[in-house]
Amino acid sequence: DTLLLVYLSSLTRTQLSLAEKLNTAAQIL
């Protein structure tokens, strides 16, 4: 249960950082 929460939070964090990188790349382009 706790493991699932940790997994979900890390997954969300990964998606957020990916979105930030995409935004930065879009601004550069």
N, C-alpha and C. Protein backbone atom coordinates (compact mmCIF):
# COMPACT_ATOMS: atom_id res chain seq x y z
N ASP A 1 0.85 -1.21 0.00
CA ASP A 1 0.00 0.00 0.00
C ASP A 1 0.88 1.25 0.00
N THR A 2 1.81 1.31 0.97
CA THR A 2 2.73 2.45 0.99
C THR A 2 3.59 2.45 -0.26
N LEU A 3 3.98 1.25 -0.68
CA LEU A 3 4.79 1.12 -1.88
C LEU A 3 4.05 1.67 -3.09
N LEU A 4 2.75 1.39 -3.15
CA LEU A 4 1.93 1.89 -4.25
C LEU A 4 1.90 3.41 -4.25
N LEU A 5 1.77 3.99 -3.06
CA LEU A 5 1.75 5.45 -2.96
C LEU A 5 3.06 6.04 -3.43
N VAL A 6 4.16 5.45 -3.01
CA VAL A 6 5.48 5.93 -3.42
C VAL A 6 5.62 5.82 -4.93
N TYR A 7 5.17 4.69 -5.48
CA TYR A 7 5.25 4.48 -6.92
C TYR A 7 4.45 5.52 -7.68
N LEU A 8 3.22 5.78 -7.21
CA LEU A 8 2.36 6.75 -7.88
C LEU A 8 2.95 8.16 -7.80
N SER A 9 3.47 8.52 -6.64
CA SER A 9 4.03 9.87 -6.48
C SER A 9 5.26 10.05 -7.37
N SER A 10 6.10 9.02 -7.45
CA SER A 10 7.28 9.13 -8.30
C SER A 10 6.87 9.20 -9.76
N LEU A 11 5.83 8.45 -10.12
CA LEU A 11 5.32 8.48 -11.48
C LEU A 11 4.82 9.88 -11.83
N THR A 12 4.07 10.48 -10.92
CA THR A 12 3.56 11.83 -11.14
C THR A 12 4.72 12.82 -11.27
N ARG A 13 5.73 12.65 -10.40
CA ARG A 13 6.88 13.55 -10.45
C ARG A 13 7.59 13.43 -11.79
N THR A 14 7.72 12.20 -12.29
CA THR A 14 8.38 11.98 -13.57
C THR A 14 7.61 12.67 -14.69
N GLN A 15 6.29 12.53 -14.67
CA GLN A 15 5.47 13.16 -15.70
C GLN A 15 5.57 14.67 -15.63
N LEU A 16 5.63 15.23 -14.42
CA LEU A 16 5.75 16.67 -14.25
C LEU A 16 7.08 17.17 -14.80
N SER A 17 8.15 16.47 -14.49
CA SER A 17 9.47 16.90 -14.98
C SER A 17 9.53 16.76 -16.49
N LEU A 18 8.89 15.72 -17.04
CA LEU A 18 8.85 15.54 -18.49
C LEU A 18 8.10 16.70 -19.13
N ALA A 19 6.98 17.10 -18.54
CA ALA A 19 6.19 18.20 -19.07
C ALA A 19 7.01 19.49 -19.03
N GLU A 20 7.77 19.70 -17.95
CA GLU A 20 8.59 20.90 -17.86
C GLU A 20 9.66 20.90 -18.94
N LYS A 21 10.28 19.75 -19.19
CA LYS A 21 11.30 19.66 -20.23
C LYS A 21 10.69 19.94 -21.59
N LEU A 22 9.49 19.41 -21.83
CA LEU A 22 8.82 19.65 -23.11
C LEU A 22 8.51 21.12 -23.28
N ASN A 23 8.05 21.77 -22.20
CA ASN A 23 7.75 23.20 -22.25
C ASN A 23 9.00 23.99 -22.58
N THR A 24 10.11 23.65 -21.94
CA THR A 24 11.37 24.36 -22.19
C THR A 24 11.80 24.16 -23.64
N ALA A 25 11.70 22.94 -24.12
CA ALA A 25 12.09 22.65 -25.50
C ALA A 25 11.21 23.44 -26.47
N ALA A 26 9.92 23.52 -26.18
CA ALA A 26 8.99 24.24 -27.05
C ALA A 26 9.35 25.73 -27.05
N GLN A 27 9.76 26.26 -25.91
CA GLN A 27 10.12 27.68 -25.84
C GLN A 27 11.39 27.94 -26.63
N ILE A 28 12.34 26.99 -26.58
CA ILE A 28 13.59 27.15 -27.33
C ILE A 28 13.29 27.13 -28.83
N LEU A 29 12.42 26.22 -29.23
CA LEU A 29 12.06 26.13 -30.64
C LEU A 29 11.18 27.32 -31.00
